[in-house]
Protein backbone atom coordinates (compact mmCIF):
# COMPACT_ATOMS: atom_id res chain seq x y z
CA MET A 1 59.21 30.90 45.72
CA SER A 2 62.26 31.77 47.78
CA THR A 3 64.39 34.89 47.51
CA LEU A 4 67.52 34.38 45.41
CA LEU A 5 68.86 37.94 45.38
CA SER A 6 68.11 40.75 47.82
CA VAL A 7 69.05 44.37 47.09
CA SER A 8 68.77 46.55 50.21
CA ASN A 9 69.05 50.34 50.35
CA VAL A 10 71.61 50.49 47.55
CA SER A 11 72.92 53.86 46.42
CA LYS A 12 75.65 54.65 43.93
CA SER A 13 77.32 57.95 43.06
CA PHE A 14 80.06 58.85 40.60
CA GLU A 15 82.42 61.77 40.27
CA VAL A 16 82.02 63.29 36.80
CA ASN A 17 84.16 66.31 35.93
CA GLY A 18 84.50 67.17 39.59
CA ARG A 19 80.77 66.91 40.16
CA ARG A 20 78.99 64.22 42.19
CA VAL A 21 76.31 62.40 40.19
CA GLN A 22 73.78 60.24 42.03
CA ALA A 23 73.16 57.24 39.77
CA LEU A 24 71.13 55.23 42.30
CA ASP A 25 69.27 56.48 45.35
CA ASN A 26 68.27 54.03 48.11
CA VAL A 27 67.07 51.18 45.90
CA SER A 28 65.61 48.02 47.44
CA PHE A 29 63.99 44.96 45.85
CA ASP A 30 64.13 41.16 45.91
CA VAL A 31 64.45 38.70 43.04
CA GLU A 32 62.61 35.44 43.61
CA LYS A 33 64.06 32.13 42.47
CA GLY A 34 62.60 31.08 39.12
CA GLU A 35 61.13 34.44 38.15
CA CYS A 36 61.94 36.98 35.47
CA LEU A 37 62.19 40.48 36.91
CA ALA A 38 62.31 43.19 34.26
CA ILE A 39 64.09 46.44 35.14
CA VAL A 40 62.86 49.19 32.86
CA GLY A 41 63.48 52.87 32.37
CA GLU A 42 64.85 55.42 29.95
CA SER A 43 68.52 56.18 29.45
CA GLY A 44 69.97 57.54 32.69
CA SER A 45 67.32 55.89 34.86
CA GLY A 46 69.86 53.76 36.74
CA LYS A 47 68.87 50.37 35.34
CA SER A 48 72.33 49.65 33.90
CA THR A 49 74.02 50.83 37.08
CA ILE A 50 72.07 48.42 39.27
CA ALA A 51 72.81 45.63 36.78
CA ASN A 52 76.54 46.37 37.01
CA ILE A 53 76.39 46.35 40.80
CA ILE A 54 74.63 42.97 40.75
CA LEU A 55 77.33 41.66 38.40
CA GLY A 56 80.12 43.05 40.59
CA ILE A 57 81.39 45.48 37.94
CA TYR A 58 80.64 48.39 40.30
CA GLY A 59 80.57 48.42 44.05
CA ALA A 60 77.67 50.10 45.83
CA SER A 61 78.34 53.40 47.60
CA GLU A 62 75.81 52.42 50.25
CA GLY A 63 73.59 49.44 50.99
CA GLN A 64 74.14 45.72 50.53
CA LEU A 65 73.32 42.74 48.36
CA ARG A 66 72.63 39.18 49.49
CA PHE A 67 72.65 36.11 47.24
CA LYS A 68 70.99 32.96 48.56
CA ASP A 69 70.86 34.70 51.93
CA GLU A 70 74.63 35.29 52.06
CA PRO A 71 76.35 38.67 51.66
CA LEU A 72 77.37 39.32 48.06
CA PRO A 73 80.66 41.24 48.17
CA ALA A 74 81.72 43.84 45.62
CA LYS A 75 84.82 41.76 44.86
CA ARG A 76 83.46 38.49 43.52
CA VAL A 77 85.09 35.10 43.88
CA LEU A 78 84.82 32.40 41.23
CA LYS A 79 81.66 30.83 42.66
CA HIS A 80 79.85 34.17 42.41
CA ARG A 81 80.97 34.72 38.81
CA GLN A 82 79.73 31.24 37.95
CA ALA A 83 76.37 31.70 39.66
CA ILE A 84 75.59 35.14 38.17
CA GLN A 85 76.12 35.44 34.43
CA LEU A 86 75.59 38.21 31.88
CA VAL A 87 74.12 38.10 28.38
CA GLN A 88 75.00 41.38 26.67
CA GLN A 89 73.14 43.43 24.09
CA ASN A 90 75.80 42.82 21.43
CA PRO A 91 77.18 39.27 21.68
CA LEU A 92 79.77 39.98 18.99
CA SER A 93 81.59 42.29 21.40
CA SER A 94 81.64 39.62 24.13
CA LEU A 95 82.81 36.73 21.92
CA ASN A 96 86.47 36.53 20.97
CA PRO A 97 86.49 36.86 17.14
CA ARG A 98 89.66 34.73 16.95
CA ARG A 99 88.18 31.88 18.95
CA SER A 100 85.72 29.35 17.58
CA ILE A 101 82.26 29.05 19.10
CA GLY A 102 83.21 25.71 20.58
CA ALA A 103 86.39 27.12 22.11
CA SER A 104 84.42 29.96 23.77
CA LEU A 105 82.00 27.49 25.30
CA ARG A 106 84.81 25.14 26.28
CA LEU A 107 86.60 28.00 28.07
CA ALA A 108 83.60 28.49 30.39
CA LEU A 109 83.61 24.77 31.19
CA ASP A 110 87.38 24.78 31.81
CA VAL A 111 87.41 27.88 34.03
CA HIS A 112 84.68 26.56 36.29
CA LYS A 113 85.85 22.93 36.08
CA ILE A 114 82.46 21.67 34.93
CA GLY A 115 82.44 18.04 33.86
CA GLU A 116 85.34 15.80 32.99
CA PRO A 117 87.88 17.34 30.57
CA SER A 118 87.43 14.44 28.15
CA GLY A 119 83.72 15.17 27.81
CA ARG A 120 83.79 18.94 27.42
CA VAL A 121 84.01 19.05 23.63
CA LYS A 122 80.88 16.91 23.41
CA ARG A 123 79.23 19.13 25.99
CA THR A 124 79.76 22.23 23.83
CA GLY A 125 77.75 20.56 21.08
CA GLU A 126 74.97 19.69 23.52
CA LEU A 127 74.83 23.30 24.73
CA LEU A 128 74.47 24.56 21.17
CA GLU A 129 71.66 22.11 20.51
CA GLU A 130 69.93 23.24 23.70
CA VAL A 131 69.72 26.78 22.32
CA GLY A 132 68.54 25.60 18.90
CA LEU A 133 71.83 25.56 16.98
CA PRO A 134 73.52 22.57 15.30
CA ALA A 135 76.39 21.03 17.25
CA GLU A 136 78.55 21.56 14.15
CA PHE A 137 78.47 25.32 14.78
CA ARG A 138 81.18 24.83 17.40
CA THR A 139 83.79 24.93 14.61
CA ARG A 140 82.60 28.31 13.31
CA ASN A 141 83.80 31.76 14.29
CA PRO A 142 81.39 34.43 15.60
CA SER A 143 81.63 36.48 12.40
CA ALA A 144 80.12 33.56 10.43
CA LEU A 145 76.89 33.66 12.45
CA SER A 146 73.86 35.93 12.26
CA GLY A 147 72.96 38.28 15.11
CA GLY A 148 70.29 35.92 16.42
CA GLN A 149 72.66 32.95 16.24
CA ARG A 150 75.37 34.83 18.14
CA GLN A 151 72.88 35.75 20.83
CA ARG A 152 71.99 32.07 21.18
CA VAL A 153 75.70 31.30 21.61
CA ALA A 154 75.90 33.95 24.36
CA ILE A 155 72.95 32.29 26.09
CA ALA A 156 74.63 28.88 25.71
CA ARG A 157 77.75 30.24 27.38
CA ALA A 158 75.72 31.36 30.39
CA LEU A 159 74.17 27.88 30.51
CA ALA A 160 77.63 26.30 30.32
CA CYS A 161 78.49 27.92 33.64
CA GLN A 162 75.44 26.32 35.27
CA SER A 163 74.44 29.80 36.40
CA GLU A 164 71.49 30.41 38.70
CA LEU A 165 70.89 34.08 37.91
CA VAL A 166 71.24 35.47 34.39
CA VAL A 167 71.34 39.23 33.83
CA LEU A 168 70.06 39.97 30.34
CA ASP A 169 71.12 43.46 29.23
CA GLU A 170 68.89 44.53 26.31
CA PRO A 171 69.41 41.05 24.80
CA THR A 172 66.98 41.50 21.90
CA SER A 173 67.23 45.20 21.07
CA ALA A 174 69.70 44.65 18.22
CA LEU A 175 67.55 41.95 16.59
CA ASP A 176 64.72 42.25 14.10
CA VAL A 177 61.18 41.53 15.31
CA LEU A 178 60.99 37.93 14.08
CA VAL A 179 64.38 36.93 15.52
CA GLN A 180 63.56 38.81 18.71
CA ALA A 181 60.41 36.73 19.18
CA ARG A 182 62.34 33.51 18.69
CA VAL A 183 65.01 34.48 21.22
CA LEU A 184 62.36 35.47 23.76
CA ARG A 185 60.66 32.10 23.30
CA LEU A 186 63.99 30.36 23.81
CA LEU A 187 64.63 32.31 27.01
CA LYS A 188 61.19 31.44 28.37
CA ASP A 189 61.64 27.75 27.53
CA LEU A 190 65.08 27.64 29.18
CA LYS A 191 63.78 29.39 32.28
CA ASP A 192 61.07 26.79 32.65
CA SER A 193 63.20 23.74 31.84
CA ARG A 194 66.25 24.76 33.90
CA GLY A 195 64.56 26.70 36.68
CA LEU A 196 66.60 29.79 35.81
CA THR A 197 66.13 33.24 37.28
CA TYR A 198 66.38 36.31 35.03
CA ILE A 199 66.94 40.00 35.51
CA PHE A 200 65.89 41.51 32.18
CA ILE A 201 67.23 45.03 31.59
CA THR A 202 65.38 46.94 28.89
CA HIS A 203 63.80 50.21 27.83
CA ASP A 204 61.23 48.38 25.69
CA LEU A 205 58.03 47.59 27.56
CA SER A 206 56.62 45.72 24.58
CA VAL A 207 59.33 43.08 25.20
CA VAL A 208 58.69 43.07 28.95
CA ARG A 209 55.08 42.19 28.38
CA ASN A 210 56.12 38.92 26.73
CA ILE A 211 58.66 37.58 29.23
CA ALA A 212 58.56 39.22 32.66
CA ASP A 213 56.75 38.03 35.79
CA ARG A 214 57.32 41.34 37.56
CA VAL A 215 58.47 44.81 36.54
CA ALA A 216 60.66 47.30 38.41
CA VAL A 217 60.43 50.82 37.00
CA PHE A 218 63.42 53.12 37.46
CA GLU A 219 63.46 56.89 37.01
CA LYS A 220 66.49 59.10 37.68
CA GLY A 221 68.13 56.53 39.94
CA ARG A 222 65.04 55.73 41.98
CA LEU A 223 62.80 52.67 41.98
CA VAL A 224 59.42 54.32 41.49
CA GLU A 225 57.16 51.31 40.96
CA LEU A 226 57.36 47.54 41.40
CA GLY A 227 54.65 45.00 40.69
CA SER A 228 53.44 42.09 38.63
CA THR A 229 53.57 42.60 34.87
CA GLU A 230 49.80 42.23 34.70
CA ALA A 231 49.24 44.88 37.37
CA ILE A 232 51.77 47.30 35.92
CA PHE A 233 50.16 47.19 32.48
CA ALA A 234 46.57 47.14 33.75
CA SER A 235 46.85 49.88 36.38
CA PRO A 236 50.19 51.73 36.55
CA GLN A 237 50.37 53.86 39.70
CA HIS A 238 53.28 56.21 39.01
CA GLU A 239 53.06 58.95 36.41
CA TYR A 240 56.42 57.96 34.94
CA THR A 241 55.22 54.36 34.48
CA ARG A 242 52.08 55.66 32.84
CA ARG A 243 54.14 57.68 30.37
CA LEU A 244 56.26 54.65 29.49
CA ILE A 245 53.20 52.49 28.87
CA ALA A 246 51.54 55.22 26.83
CA ALA A 247 54.49 55.02 24.44
CA VAL A 248 54.21 51.25 23.94
CA PRO A 249 52.80 50.22 20.53
CA VAL A 250 49.17 49.19 20.99
CA VAL A 251 48.39 45.57 20.13
CA GLY A 252 44.99 45.01 21.73
CA ARG A 253 41.74 46.73 22.73
CA ASP A 254 42.48 46.67 26.48
CA GLU A 255 45.84 48.37 25.95
CA ALA A 256 44.25 50.87 23.54
CA GLU A 257 41.71 51.80 26.21
CA LEU A 258 44.43 52.12 28.88
CA ARG A 259 46.51 54.30 26.60
CA ALA A 260 43.48 56.51 25.90
CA ARG A 261 42.83 56.89 29.66
CA ILE A 262 46.45 57.82 30.32
CA MET A 263 46.42 60.43 27.55
CA GLU A 264 43.12 61.87 28.84
CA ASP A 265 44.55 62.13 32.36
CA ARG A 266 47.70 63.82 31.10
CA ASN A 267 45.70 66.32 29.04
CA ALA A 268 43.41 67.05 32.00
CA ASN A 269 46.39 67.75 34.25
CA ALA A 270 48.31 69.80 31.70
């Protein structure tokens, strides 16, 4: 695999009530083309801040980003916004309630001049079918859809832009377990069929286990551990990672044994 996104020595601070808050501290990692990198951590860990810097919502205080081996500026041009797309936690807040589903998808095609204008209405139906929804849904408004259906529309909109990197910000946390599993399966299928690259932001390691190739663990603005999903779950090296895994619901004997070992170590060191 080749490197699609490179994050090098990125730091970010904010002024809050006259006080400087360090949200990110010298963070570096690469995202390989075709992989799903999960960024995990508790609230305040810095995972949302690094996502916003990747999306161009924030600029970095220090460090740099490169996309396809070219500098990625804080002020993004249209080609960058097309290439890097966001799927939010709550799709209802990102979809215009006064615009039909088809119109929202058509807007993405129009802005980025994708396809011939005469074929874009048909294309919106094809995008809906690609995410498992009937083409007829393009005439509906977001409020007429379920949470899982709206999230599929949000994914379709990212696909409409022919994006290369999709940042998924807690995309399943507002869904029930059954719908969550279906959306995760859809994301995995689309990644394989389209060769997409994902950055999956979450606090839920039980979700990470089912979709991520690698995991980056953030604590208090620092990247404290980075490795394959298998290695992270089998043998976490950092104490913070071990605490996160110990809190994951146990679904198998191997994980039960790992959780028991972590708890024994914590009790021994207490």
